[in-house]
Amino acid sequence: MPKPDNRHNNVERLQEMVENTEHKLHEAEISMEFADPEERERLKQKNERRRTSIAAMKEEIQDEMQARKNGKI
């Protein structure tokens, strides 16, 4: 039987995920300075996906905060 959906800590979990992803993005940018062209391109693409993920997580944080404010959580 599946566990019930517990959304009480979603904002905090999402914020932690954003911080972790931003940290990885920053580390990859530093690594690009020392990477060969092929690796640099791979890291650029990966960081672009990270930026997209961060934006989506921030939108979800806003949705969750609005749900809290409206008493849905």
N, C-alpha and C. Protein backbone atom coordinates (compact mmCIF):
# COMPACT_ATOMS: atom_id res chain seq x y z
N MET A 1 0.84 -1.18 0.00
CA MET A 1 0.00 0.00 0.00
C MET A 1 0.89 1.25 0.00
N PRO A 2 0.64 2.21 -0.90
CA PRO A 2 1.49 3.40 -0.97
C PRO A 2 1.33 4.28 0.27
N LYS A 3 2.41 4.98 0.58
CA LYS A 3 2.37 5.91 1.70
C LYS A 3 1.54 7.14 1.31
N PRO A 4 0.85 7.73 2.27
CA PRO A 4 0.09 8.95 1.96
C PRO A 4 1.04 10.10 1.58
N ASP A 5 0.55 10.99 0.76
CA ASP A 5 1.34 12.14 0.32
C ASP A 5 1.52 13.11 1.48
N ASN A 6 2.76 13.33 1.88
CA ASN A 6 3.07 14.26 2.95
C ASN A 6 3.79 15.45 2.35
N ARG A 7 3.10 16.56 2.20
CA ARG A 7 3.67 17.73 1.55
C ARG A 7 4.15 18.78 2.54
N HIS A 8 4.13 18.49 3.81
CA HIS A 8 4.46 19.49 4.82
C HIS A 8 5.89 20.00 4.72
N ASN A 9 6.80 19.21 4.24
CA ASN A 9 8.20 19.65 4.17
C ASN A 9 8.68 19.82 2.72
N ASN A 10 7.79 19.89 1.77
CA ASN A 10 8.19 20.00 0.37
C ASN A 10 9.00 21.26 0.10
N VAL A 11 8.61 22.38 0.68
CA VAL A 11 9.33 23.63 0.42
C VAL A 11 10.78 23.48 0.88
N GLU A 12 10.97 22.95 2.07
CA GLU A 12 12.31 22.80 2.61
C GLU A 12 13.14 21.81 1.78
N ARG A 13 12.52 20.71 1.40
CA ARG A 13 13.24 19.72 0.58
C ARG A 13 13.62 20.30 -0.78
N LEU A 14 12.69 21.01 -1.39
CA LEU A 14 12.96 21.63 -2.69
C LEU A 14 14.05 22.69 -2.58
N GLN A 15 14.01 23.49 -1.50
CA GLN A 15 15.04 24.51 -1.31
C GLN A 15 16.42 23.87 -1.17
N GLU A 16 16.48 22.77 -0.45
CA GLU A 16 17.75 22.05 -0.30
C GLU A 16 18.23 21.52 -1.66
N MET A 17 17.30 21.01 -2.45
CA MET A 17 17.66 20.52 -3.78
C MET A 17 18.19 21.65 -4.66
N VAL A 18 17.56 22.83 -4.57
CA VAL A 18 18.02 23.98 -5.35
C VAL A 18 19.45 24.35 -4.93
N GLU A 19 19.67 24.41 -3.62
CA GLU A 19 21.01 24.76 -3.12
C GLU A 19 22.06 23.75 -3.58
N ASN A 20 21.74 22.48 -3.51
CA ASN A 20 22.68 21.44 -3.95
C ASN A 20 22.98 21.55 -5.44
N THR A 21 21.95 21.80 -6.23
CA THR A 21 22.13 21.91 -7.68
C THR A 21 22.93 23.15 -8.02
N GLU A 22 22.67 24.26 -7.33
CA GLU A 22 23.45 25.47 -7.56
C GLU A 22 24.92 25.24 -7.20
N HIS A 23 25.16 24.50 -6.14
CA HIS A 23 26.54 24.19 -5.73
C HIS A 23 27.24 23.36 -6.82
N LYS A 24 26.56 22.36 -7.34
CA LYS A 24 27.14 21.52 -8.40
C LYS A 24 27.40 22.34 -9.65
N LEU A 25 26.49 23.25 -9.97
CA LEU A 25 26.64 24.11 -11.13
C LEU A 25 27.91 24.96 -10.97
N HIS A 26 28.09 25.53 -9.81
CA HIS A 26 29.26 26.36 -9.54
C HIS A 26 30.55 25.53 -9.63
N GLU A 27 30.55 24.34 -9.05
CA GLU A 27 31.73 23.48 -9.12
C GLU A 27 32.07 23.11 -10.56
N ALA A 28 31.04 22.86 -11.36
CA ALA A 28 31.27 22.51 -12.76
C ALA A 28 31.87 23.69 -13.52
N GLU A 29 31.41 24.90 -13.20
CA GLU A 29 31.97 26.08 -13.87
C GLU A 29 33.45 26.24 -13.54
N ILE A 30 33.83 25.96 -12.31
CA ILE A 30 35.24 26.01 -11.94
C ILE A 30 36.02 24.92 -12.70
N SER A 31 35.44 23.73 -12.79
CA SER A 31 36.10 22.62 -13.49
C SER A 31 36.31 22.92 -14.96
N MET A 32 35.43 23.71 -15.55
CA MET A 32 35.54 24.03 -16.97
C MET A 32 36.84 24.74 -17.30
N GLU A 33 37.38 25.47 -16.34
CA GLU A 33 38.63 26.19 -16.57
C GLU A 33 39.78 25.24 -16.88
N PHE A 34 39.70 24.03 -16.36
CA PHE A 34 40.79 23.07 -16.50
C PHE A 34 40.45 21.92 -17.45
N ALA A 35 39.27 21.95 -18.03
CA ALA A 35 38.80 20.84 -18.87
C ALA A 35 39.21 21.03 -20.32
N ASP A 36 39.31 19.90 -21.02
CA ASP A 36 39.56 19.97 -22.45
C ASP A 36 38.27 20.43 -23.14
N PRO A 37 38.35 20.82 -24.40
CA PRO A 37 37.17 21.37 -25.09
C PRO A 37 35.96 20.44 -25.08
N GLU A 38 36.19 19.16 -25.25
CA GLU A 38 35.07 18.21 -25.26
C GLU A 38 34.38 18.16 -23.89
N GLU A 39 35.17 18.06 -22.85
CA GLU A 39 34.63 18.02 -21.49
C GLU A 39 33.96 19.34 -21.14
N ARG A 40 34.54 20.44 -21.58
CA ARG A 40 33.96 21.76 -21.32
C ARG A 40 32.56 21.86 -21.93
N GLU A 41 32.43 21.36 -23.15
CA GLU A 41 31.11 21.40 -23.82
C GLU A 41 30.10 20.53 -23.08
N ARG A 42 30.55 19.37 -22.63
CA ARG A 42 29.66 18.48 -21.88
C ARG A 42 29.20 19.15 -20.58
N LEU A 43 30.12 19.82 -19.90
CA LEU A 43 29.77 20.50 -18.66
C LEU A 43 28.83 21.69 -18.92
N LYS A 44 29.04 22.40 -20.03
CA LYS A 44 28.15 23.52 -20.38
C LYS A 44 26.72 23.02 -20.58
N GLN A 45 26.59 21.90 -21.30
CA GLN A 45 25.26 21.34 -21.53
C GLN A 45 24.62 20.87 -20.23
N LYS A 46 25.42 20.24 -19.39
CA LYS A 46 24.90 19.76 -18.11
C LYS A 46 24.46 20.94 -17.24
N ASN A 47 25.23 22.01 -17.23
CA ASN A 47 24.87 23.18 -16.44
C ASN A 47 23.60 23.84 -16.97
N GLU A 48 23.41 23.80 -18.28
CA GLU A 48 22.17 24.35 -18.83
C GLU A 48 20.97 23.55 -18.34
N ARG A 49 21.11 22.24 -18.29
CA ARG A 49 20.02 21.40 -17.74
C ARG A 49 19.81 21.71 -16.26
N ARG A 50 20.90 21.94 -15.55
CA ARG A 50 20.79 22.30 -14.13
C ARG A 50 20.03 23.61 -13.96
N ARG A 51 20.33 24.60 -14.79
CA ARG A 51 19.62 25.89 -14.70
C ARG A 51 18.13 25.71 -14.96
N THR A 52 17.79 24.86 -15.92
CA THR A 52 16.39 24.57 -16.21
C THR A 52 15.72 23.90 -15.01
N SER A 53 16.42 22.96 -14.40
CA SER A 53 15.89 22.27 -13.23
C SER A 53 15.70 23.23 -12.05
N ILE A 54 16.66 24.11 -11.86
CA ILE A 54 16.57 25.07 -10.76
C ILE A 54 15.34 25.96 -10.95
N ALA A 55 15.13 26.43 -12.16
CA ALA A 55 13.98 27.28 -12.44
C ALA A 55 12.68 26.53 -12.15
N ALA A 56 12.60 25.27 -12.56
CA ALA A 56 11.40 24.47 -12.32
C ALA A 56 11.18 24.23 -10.83
N MET A 57 12.27 23.96 -10.11
CA MET A 57 12.13 23.74 -8.66
C MET A 57 11.69 25.02 -7.95
N LYS A 58 12.19 26.16 -8.39
CA LYS A 58 11.77 27.43 -7.78
C LYS A 58 10.30 27.70 -8.03
N GLU A 59 9.81 27.36 -9.22
CA GLU A 59 8.38 27.49 -9.50
C GLU A 59 7.57 26.58 -8.59
N GLU A 60 8.06 25.37 -8.40
CA GLU A 60 7.36 24.42 -7.54
C GLU A 60 7.36 24.91 -6.09
N ILE A 61 8.45 25.53 -5.66
CA ILE A 61 8.50 26.09 -4.31
C ILE A 61 7.41 27.15 -4.16
N GLN A 62 7.28 28.01 -5.18
CA GLN A 62 6.24 29.04 -5.13
C GLN A 62 4.85 28.42 -5.04
N ASP A 63 4.61 27.36 -5.82
CA ASP A 63 3.32 26.66 -5.78
C ASP A 63 3.06 26.08 -4.40
N GLU A 64 4.08 25.47 -3.82
CA GLU A 64 3.92 24.86 -2.49
C GLU A 64 3.69 25.93 -1.43
N MET A 65 4.39 27.05 -1.53
CA MET A 65 4.20 28.13 -0.57
C MET A 65 2.79 28.71 -0.68
N GLN A 66 2.30 28.82 -1.91
CA GLN A 66 0.93 29.32 -2.11
C GLN A 66 -0.08 28.32 -1.53
N ALA A 67 0.17 27.05 -1.70
CA ALA A 67 -0.73 26.03 -1.14
C ALA A 67 -0.72 26.11 0.39
N ARG A 68 0.43 26.35 0.97
CA ARG A 68 0.49 26.51 2.44
C ARG A 68 -0.32 27.73 2.87
N LYS A 69 -0.13 28.82 2.13
CA LYS A 69 -0.83 30.05 2.47
C LYS A 69 -2.35 29.87 2.36
N ASN A 70 -2.78 29.09 1.40
CA ASN A 70 -4.21 28.86 1.21
C ASN A 70 -4.76 27.75 2.10
N GLY A 71 -3.91 27.17 2.93
CA GLY A 71 -4.36 26.14 3.85
C GLY A 71 -4.57 24.78 3.26
N LYS A 72 -4.02 24.54 2.07
CA LYS A 72 -4.18 23.24 1.43
C LYS A 72 -3.17 22.22 1.94
N ILE A 73 -2.17 22.71 2.67
CA ILE A 73 -1.17 21.81 3.24
C ILE A 73 -1.22 21.94 4.74
